[in-house]
Each structure stands twice: as C-alpha cells, then as structure tokens.
All heavy atoms as atom14 arrays in JSON, in Angstrom:
{
  "sequence": "THMFNAMRHLHHRDPGTVGSILTHNEISCELIA",
  "atom14_mask": [
    [1, 1, 1, 1, 1, 1, 1, 0, 0, 0, 0, 0, 0, 0],
    [1, 1, 1, 1, 1, 1, 1, 1, 1, 1, 0, 0, 0, 0],
    [1, 1, 1, 1, 1, 1, 1, 1, 0, 0, 0, 0, 0, 0],
    [1, 1, 1, 1, 1, 1, 1, 1, 1, 1, 1, 0, 0, 0],
    [1, 1, 1, 1, 1, 1, 1, 1, 0, 0, 0, 0, 0, 0],
    [1, 1, 1, 1, 1, 0, 0, 0, 0, 0, 0, 0, 0, 0],
    [1, 1, 1, 1, 1, 1, 1, 1, 0, 0, 0, 0, 0, 0],
    [1, 1, 1, 1, 1, 1, 1, 1, 1, 1, 1, 0, 0, 0],
    [1, 1, 1, 1, 1, 1, 1, 1, 1, 1, 0, 0, 0, 0],
    [1, 1, 1, 1, 1, 1, 1, 1, 0, 0, 0, 0, 0, 0],
    [1, 1, 1, 1, 1, 1, 1, 1, 1, 1, 0, 0, 0, 0],
    [1, 1, 1, 1, 1, 1, 1, 1, 1, 1, 0, 0, 0, 0],
    [1, 1, 1, 1, 1, 1, 1, 1, 1, 1, 1, 0, 0, 0],
    [1, 1, 1, 1, 1, 1, 1, 1, 0, 0, 0, 0, 0, 0],
    [1, 1, 1, 1, 1, 1, 1, 0, 0, 0, 0, 0, 0, 0],
    [1, 1, 1, 1, 0, 0, 0, 0, 0, 0, 0, 0, 0, 0],
    [1, 1, 1, 1, 1, 1, 1, 0, 0, 0, 0, 0, 0, 0],
    [1, 1, 1, 1, 1, 1, 1, 0, 0, 0, 0, 0, 0, 0],
    [1, 1, 1, 1, 0, 0, 0, 0, 0, 0, 0, 0, 0, 0],
    [1, 1, 1, 1, 1, 1, 0, 0, 0, 0, 0, 0, 0, 0],
    [1, 1, 1, 1, 1, 1, 1, 1, 0, 0, 0, 0, 0, 0],
    [1, 1, 1, 1, 1, 1, 1, 1, 0, 0, 0, 0, 0, 0],
    [1, 1, 1, 1, 1, 1, 1, 0, 0, 0, 0, 0, 0, 0],
    [1, 1, 1, 1, 1, 1, 1, 1, 1, 1, 0, 0, 0, 0],
    [1, 1, 1, 1, 1, 1, 1, 1, 0, 0, 0, 0, 0, 0],
    [1, 1, 1, 1, 1, 1, 1, 1, 1, 0, 0, 0, 0, 0],
    [1, 1, 1, 1, 1, 1, 1, 1, 0, 0, 0, 0, 0, 0],
    [1, 1, 1, 1, 1, 1, 0, 0, 0, 0, 0, 0, 0, 0],
    [1, 1, 1, 1, 1, 1, 0, 0, 0, 0, 0, 0, 0, 0],
    [1, 1, 1, 1, 1, 1, 1, 1, 1, 0, 0, 0, 0, 0],
    [1, 1, 1, 1, 1, 1, 1, 1, 0, 0, 0, 0, 0, 0],
    [1, 1, 1, 1, 1, 1, 1, 1, 0, 0, 0, 0, 0, 0],
    [1, 1, 1, 1, 1, 0, 0, 0, 0, 0, 0, 0, 0, 0]
  ],
  "atom14_positions": [
    [[12.62, -16.25, -24.16], [13.99, -16.02, -24.54], [14.89, -15.98, -23.31], [14.56, -15.29, -22.32], [14.07, -14.73, -25.34], [13.27, -14.85, -26.5], [15.52, -14.41, -25.75], [0.0, 0.0, 0.0], [0.0, 0.0, 0.0], [0.0, 0.0, 0.0], [0.0, 0.0, 0.0], [0.0, 0.0, 0.0], [0.0, 0.0, 0.0], [0.0, 0.0, 0.0]],
    [[16.02, -16.56, -23.4], [17.05, -16.69, -22.29], [16.43, -16.41, -20.89], [16.54, -15.31, -20.33], [18.28, -15.84, -22.54], [18.07, -14.43, -23.11], [17.14, -13.47, -22.53], [18.63, -13.81, -24.14], [17.22, -12.4, -23.21], [18.12, -12.53, -24.17], [0.0, 0.0, 0.0], [0.0, 0.0, 0.0], [0.0, 0.0, 0.0], [0.0, 0.0, 0.0]],
    [[15.81, -17.47, -20.4], [15.12, -17.43, -19.13], [15.96, -16.76, -18.03], [17.17, -17.0, -17.92], [14.78, -18.87, -18.68], [14.0, -18.99, -17.42], [12.4, -18.24, -17.52], [11.79, -18.43, -15.89], [0.0, 0.0, 0.0], [0.0, 0.0, 0.0], [0.0, 0.0, 0.0], [0.0, 0.0, 0.0], [0.0, 0.0, 0.0], [0.0, 0.0, 0.0]],
    [[15.32, -15.86, -17.25], [15.87, -15.08, -16.15], [16.61, -13.84, -16.63], [16.7, -12.88, -15.84], [16.79, -15.88, -15.25], [16.14, -17.08, -14.58], [16.48, -18.39, -14.98], [15.2, -16.91, -13.54], [15.89, -19.45, -14.35], [14.63, -17.96, -12.97], [14.94, -19.28, -13.33], [0.0, 0.0, 0.0], [0.0, 0.0, 0.0], [0.0, 0.0, 0.0]],
    [[17.11, -13.82, -17.85], [17.91, -12.69, -18.32], [17.04, -11.72, -19.05], [16.22, -12.1, -19.93], [19.03, -13.17, -19.22], [20.02, -14.06, -18.49], [20.18, -15.22, -18.86], [20.61, -13.6, -17.47], [0.0, 0.0, 0.0], [0.0, 0.0, 0.0], [0.0, 0.0, 0.0], [0.0, 0.0, 0.0], [0.0, 0.0, 0.0], [0.0, 0.0, 0.0]],
    [[17.2, -10.41, -18.72], [16.46, -9.34, -19.4], [14.95, -9.54, -19.36], [14.27, -9.4, -20.35], [16.93, -9.18, -20.87], [0.0, 0.0, 0.0], [0.0, 0.0, 0.0], [0.0, 0.0, 0.0], [0.0, 0.0, 0.0], [0.0, 0.0, 0.0], [0.0, 0.0, 0.0], [0.0, 0.0, 0.0], [0.0, 0.0, 0.0], [0.0, 0.0, 0.0]],
    [[14.45, -9.84, -18.2], [12.98, -9.91, -18.0], [12.62, -9.53, -16.57], [13.46, -9.66, -15.67], [12.47, -11.3, -18.32], [13.09, -12.46, -17.57], [12.35, -14.08, -18.0], [12.72, -14.25, -19.67], [0.0, 0.0, 0.0], [0.0, 0.0, 0.0], [0.0, 0.0, 0.0], [0.0, 0.0, 0.0], [0.0, 0.0, 0.0], [0.0, 0.0, 0.0]],
    [[11.45, -9.09, -16.39], [10.96, -8.64, -15.03], [11.03, -9.78, -14.05], [10.5, -10.88, -14.31], [9.51, -8.11, -15.12], [8.99, -7.44, -13.85], [7.54, -7.01, -14.06], [7.08, -6.29, -12.95], [7.02, -4.96, -12.91], [7.47, -4.25, -13.93], [6.56, -4.25, -11.8], [0.0, 0.0, 0.0], [0.0, 0.0, 0.0], [0.0, 0.0, 0.0]],
    [[11.66, -9.53, -12.94], [11.89, -10.62, -11.92], [10.68, -10.88, -11.04], [9.71, -10.11, -11.02], [13.12, -10.28, -11.1], [14.38, -10.38, -11.9], [15.6, -10.03, -11.39], [14.63, -10.85, -13.15], [16.56, -10.23, -12.3], [16.0, -10.72, -13.36], [0.0, 0.0, 0.0], [0.0, 0.0, 0.0], [0.0, 0.0, 0.0], [0.0, 0.0, 0.0]],
    [[10.74, -11.92, -10.26], [9.73, -12.34, -9.35], [9.56, -11.32, -8.23], [10.54, -10.84, -7.67], [10.09, -13.72, -8.82], [9.21, -14.35, -7.78], [7.89, -14.74, -8.41], [9.91, -15.56, -7.14], [0.0, 0.0, 0.0], [0.0, 0.0, 0.0], [0.0, 0.0, 0.0], [0.0, 0.0, 0.0], [0.0, 0.0, 0.0], [0.0, 0.0, 0.0]],
    [[8.33, -11.02, -7.93], [8.01, -10.14, -6.79], [6.83, -10.82, -6.03], [5.95, -11.49, -6.62], [7.57, -8.77, -7.25], [7.45, -7.76, -6.11], [6.27, -7.66, -5.38], [8.31, -6.9, -5.58], [6.41, -6.69, -4.45], [7.68, -6.22, -4.54], [0.0, 0.0, 0.0], [0.0, 0.0, 0.0], [0.0, 0.0, 0.0], [0.0, 0.0, 0.0]],
    [[6.81, -10.65, -4.69], [5.8, -11.37, -3.92], [4.43, -10.83, -4.16], [3.43, -11.57, -3.8], [6.15, -11.32, -2.43], [6.17, -9.95, -1.84], [7.31, -9.12, -2.02], [5.28, -9.3, -1.07], [7.04, -7.99, -1.38], [5.85, -8.07, -0.77], [0.0, 0.0, 0.0], [0.0, 0.0, 0.0], [0.0, 0.0, 0.0], [0.0, 0.0, 0.0]],
    [[4.22, -9.7, -4.74], [2.86, -9.2, -5.07], [2.49, -9.35, -6.5], [1.35, -9.21, -6.86], [2.72, -7.74, -4.66], [2.78, -7.54, -3.14], [2.3, -6.14, -2.74], [2.36, -6.0, -1.31], [3.41, -5.44, -0.68], [4.43, -5.04, -1.36], [3.43, -5.29, 0.65], [0.0, 0.0, 0.0], [0.0, 0.0, 0.0], [0.0, 0.0, 0.0]],
    [[3.46, -9.65, -7.36], [3.2, -9.95, -8.76], [4.38, -10.82, -9.23], [5.55, -10.45, -9.13], [3.21, -8.63, -9.61], [2.77, -8.91, -11.02], [3.38, -9.73, -11.69], [1.78, -8.27, -11.47], [0.0, 0.0, 0.0], [0.0, 0.0, 0.0], [0.0, 0.0, 0.0], [0.0, 0.0, 0.0], [0.0, 0.0, 0.0], [0.0, 0.0, 0.0]],
    [[4.01, -11.98, -9.72], [5.1, -12.93, -10.14], [5.99, -12.41, -11.23], [7.03, -12.98, -11.55], [4.31, -14.18, -10.53], [2.95, -13.75, -10.83], [2.71, -12.6, -9.94], [0.0, 0.0, 0.0], [0.0, 0.0, 0.0], [0.0, 0.0, 0.0], [0.0, 0.0, 0.0], [0.0, 0.0, 0.0], [0.0, 0.0, 0.0], [0.0, 0.0, 0.0]],
    [[5.56, -11.33, -11.93], [6.33, -10.79, -13.02], [6.5, -11.79, -14.13], [5.83, -12.78, -14.24], [0.0, 0.0, 0.0], [0.0, 0.0, 0.0], [0.0, 0.0, 0.0], [0.0, 0.0, 0.0], [0.0, 0.0, 0.0], [0.0, 0.0, 0.0], [0.0, 0.0, 0.0], [0.0, 0.0, 0.0], [0.0, 0.0, 0.0], [0.0, 0.0, 0.0]],
    [[7.46, -11.52, -15.0], [7.72, -12.43, -16.13], [8.28, -13.74, -15.66], [7.87, -14.8, -16.06], [8.63, -11.76, -17.14], [8.24, -10.39, -17.41], [8.67, -12.53, -18.46], [0.0, 0.0, 0.0], [0.0, 0.0, 0.0], [0.0, 0.0, 0.0], [0.0, 0.0, 0.0], [0.0, 0.0, 0.0], [0.0, 0.0, 0.0], [0.0, 0.0, 0.0]],
    [[9.33, -13.67, -14.8], [9.99, -14.85, -14.32], [9.0, -15.79, -13.62], [8.91, -17.01, -13.9], [11.19, -14.5, -13.42], [11.65, -15.74, -12.69], [12.31, -13.89, -14.21], [0.0, 0.0, 0.0], [0.0, 0.0, 0.0], [0.0, 0.0, 0.0], [0.0, 0.0, 0.0], [0.0, 0.0, 0.0], [0.0, 0.0, 0.0], [0.0, 0.0, 0.0]],
    [[8.28, -15.26, -12.69], [7.32, -16.12, -11.89], [6.2, -16.71, -12.75], [5.8, -17.82, -12.53], [0.0, 0.0, 0.0], [0.0, 0.0, 0.0], [0.0, 0.0, 0.0], [0.0, 0.0, 0.0], [0.0, 0.0, 0.0], [0.0, 0.0, 0.0], [0.0, 0.0, 0.0], [0.0, 0.0, 0.0], [0.0, 0.0, 0.0], [0.0, 0.0, 0.0]],
    [[5.79, -15.86, -13.74], [4.7, -16.41, -14.62], [5.18, -17.57, -15.51], [4.48, -18.52, -15.68], [4.21, -15.27, -15.5], [3.74, -14.16, -14.69], [0.0, 0.0, 0.0], [0.0, 0.0, 0.0], [0.0, 0.0, 0.0], [0.0, 0.0, 0.0], [0.0, 0.0, 0.0], [0.0, 0.0, 0.0], [0.0, 0.0, 0.0], [0.0, 0.0, 0.0]],
    [[6.4, -17.44, -15.98], [6.94, -18.53, -16.81], [7.14, -19.77, -15.95], [6.81, -20.93, -16.37], [8.25, -18.1, -17.46], [7.99, -16.93, -18.46], [8.91, -19.28, -18.17], [9.24, -16.28, -18.98], [0.0, 0.0, 0.0], [0.0, 0.0, 0.0], [0.0, 0.0, 0.0], [0.0, 0.0, 0.0], [0.0, 0.0, 0.0], [0.0, 0.0, 0.0]],
    [[7.66, -19.59, -14.74], [7.94, -20.76, -13.85], [6.64, -21.46, -13.5], [6.64, -22.7, -13.38], [8.62, -20.23, -12.54], [10.07, -19.86, -12.59], [10.52, -19.34, -11.28], [10.91, -21.07, -13.04], [0.0, 0.0, 0.0], [0.0, 0.0, 0.0], [0.0, 0.0, 0.0], [0.0, 0.0, 0.0], [0.0, 0.0, 0.0], [0.0, 0.0, 0.0]],
    [[5.53, -20.75, -13.35], [4.32, -21.4, -12.89], [3.35, -21.77, -13.99], [2.28, -22.3, -13.68], [3.6, -20.44, -11.88], [3.39, -19.18, -12.53], [4.36, -20.27, -10.61], [0.0, 0.0, 0.0], [0.0, 0.0, 0.0], [0.0, 0.0, 0.0], [0.0, 0.0, 0.0], [0.0, 0.0, 0.0], [0.0, 0.0, 0.0], [0.0, 0.0, 0.0]],
    [[3.73, -21.58, -15.2], [2.93, -22.08, -16.34], [3.76, -23.01, -17.19], [4.6, -22.61, -18.04], [2.45, -20.85, -17.21], [1.37, -20.06, -16.58], [0.04, -20.35, -16.7], [1.41, -18.98, -15.74], [-0.71, -19.5, -16.0], [0.1, -18.66, -15.42], [0.0, 0.0, 0.0], [0.0, 0.0, 0.0], [0.0, 0.0, 0.0], [0.0, 0.0, 0.0]],
    [[3.44, -24.29, -17.0], [4.25, -25.33, -17.69], [4.03, -25.34, -19.2], [4.82, -25.98, -19.93], [4.0, -26.7, -17.08], [4.91, -26.98, -15.92], [5.9, -26.33, -15.7], [4.56, -27.98, -15.13], [0.0, 0.0, 0.0], [0.0, 0.0, 0.0], [0.0, 0.0, 0.0], [0.0, 0.0, 0.0], [0.0, 0.0, 0.0], [0.0, 0.0, 0.0]],
    [[3.01, -24.69, -19.67], [2.74, -24.65, -21.1], [3.76, -23.69, -21.79], [3.87, -23.72, -23.02], [1.31, -24.25, -21.45], [0.89, -22.88, -20.98], [0.23, -22.89, -19.6], [0.76, -23.53, -18.69], [-0.8, -22.23, -19.44], [0.0, 0.0, 0.0], [0.0, 0.0, 0.0], [0.0, 0.0, 0.0], [0.0, 0.0, 0.0], [0.0, 0.0, 0.0]],
    [[4.46, -22.89, -20.97], [5.49, -22.0, -21.57], [6.83, -22.7, -21.48], [7.32, -23.06, -20.4], [5.58, -20.68, -20.79], [4.19, -19.98, -20.77], [6.61, -19.74, -21.44], [4.17, -18.7, -19.98], [0.0, 0.0, 0.0], [0.0, 0.0, 0.0], [0.0, 0.0, 0.0], [0.0, 0.0, 0.0], [0.0, 0.0, 0.0], [0.0, 0.0, 0.0]],
    [[7.45, -22.9, -22.66], [8.81, -23.42, -22.69], [9.81, -22.26, -22.64], [9.44, -21.08, -22.81], [9.03, -24.27, -23.96], [8.67, -23.49, -25.11], [0.0, 0.0, 0.0], [0.0, 0.0, 0.0], [0.0, 0.0, 0.0], [0.0, 0.0, 0.0], [0.0, 0.0, 0.0], [0.0, 0.0, 0.0], [0.0, 0.0, 0.0], [0.0, 0.0, 0.0]],
    [[11.08, -22.57, -22.4], [12.02, -21.46, -22.27], [13.41, -21.87, -22.7], [13.83, -22.96, -22.65], [12.05, -20.95, -20.85], [12.67, -22.2, -19.64], [0.0, 0.0, 0.0], [0.0, 0.0, 0.0], [0.0, 0.0, 0.0], [0.0, 0.0, 0.0], [0.0, 0.0, 0.0], [0.0, 0.0, 0.0], [0.0, 0.0, 0.0], [0.0, 0.0, 0.0]],
    [[14.13, -20.83, -23.25], [15.55, -20.98, -23.51], [16.32, -20.9, -22.18], [15.9, -20.34, -21.24], [16.03, -19.82, -24.37], [15.52, -19.71, -25.75], [16.08, -18.48, -26.52], [16.83, -17.7, -25.85], [15.79, -18.38, -27.71], [0.0, 0.0, 0.0], [0.0, 0.0, 0.0], [0.0, 0.0, 0.0], [0.0, 0.0, 0.0], [0.0, 0.0, 0.0]],
    [[17.52, -21.5, -22.23], [18.42, -21.41, -21.1], [19.87, -21.26, -21.59], [20.3, -22.08, -22.42], [18.3, -22.63, -20.19], [19.24, -22.66, -18.96], [18.94, -21.54, -17.98], [19.17, -24.01, -18.24], [0.0, 0.0, 0.0], [0.0, 0.0, 0.0], [0.0, 0.0, 0.0], [0.0, 0.0, 0.0], [0.0, 0.0, 0.0], [0.0, 0.0, 0.0]],
    [[20.56, -20.24, -21.18], [22.0, -20.13, -21.44], [22.74, -20.76, -20.32], [22.94, -20.22, -19.22], [22.4, -18.65, -21.55], [21.59, -17.9, -22.56], [23.89, -18.56, -21.97], [21.84, -16.37, -22.63], [0.0, 0.0, 0.0], [0.0, 0.0, 0.0], [0.0, 0.0, 0.0], [0.0, 0.0, 0.0], [0.0, 0.0, 0.0], [0.0, 0.0, 0.0]],
    [[23.12, -22.0, -20.47], [23.73, -22.82, -19.4], [25.28, -22.68, -19.42], [25.99, -23.67, -19.54], [23.32, -24.31, -19.56], [0.0, 0.0, 0.0], [0.0, 0.0, 0.0], [0.0, 0.0, 0.0], [0.0, 0.0, 0.0], [0.0, 0.0, 0.0], [0.0, 0.0, 0.0], [0.0, 0.0, 0.0], [0.0, 0.0, 0.0], [0.0, 0.0, 0.0]]
  ]
}
C-alpha cells in the first residue's frame, strides 16, 4: 500500500519494509504519484 508512505524505512542493518519491497520483485506496490 502506497509505497514509502506509512511504512518502516530503510536502515543499513535491516532493510525494513521499504528495503524489503524494493529488493523483492515478486512484491508489487501502489504509488501515489
């Protein structure tokens, strides 16, 4: 849901929600452009 918004951000020790979605192409995402 609305990629980058209201989700745990990227951290260098844990990719969090954002990093995990970015690095797993099987996950699609919404974008509020």
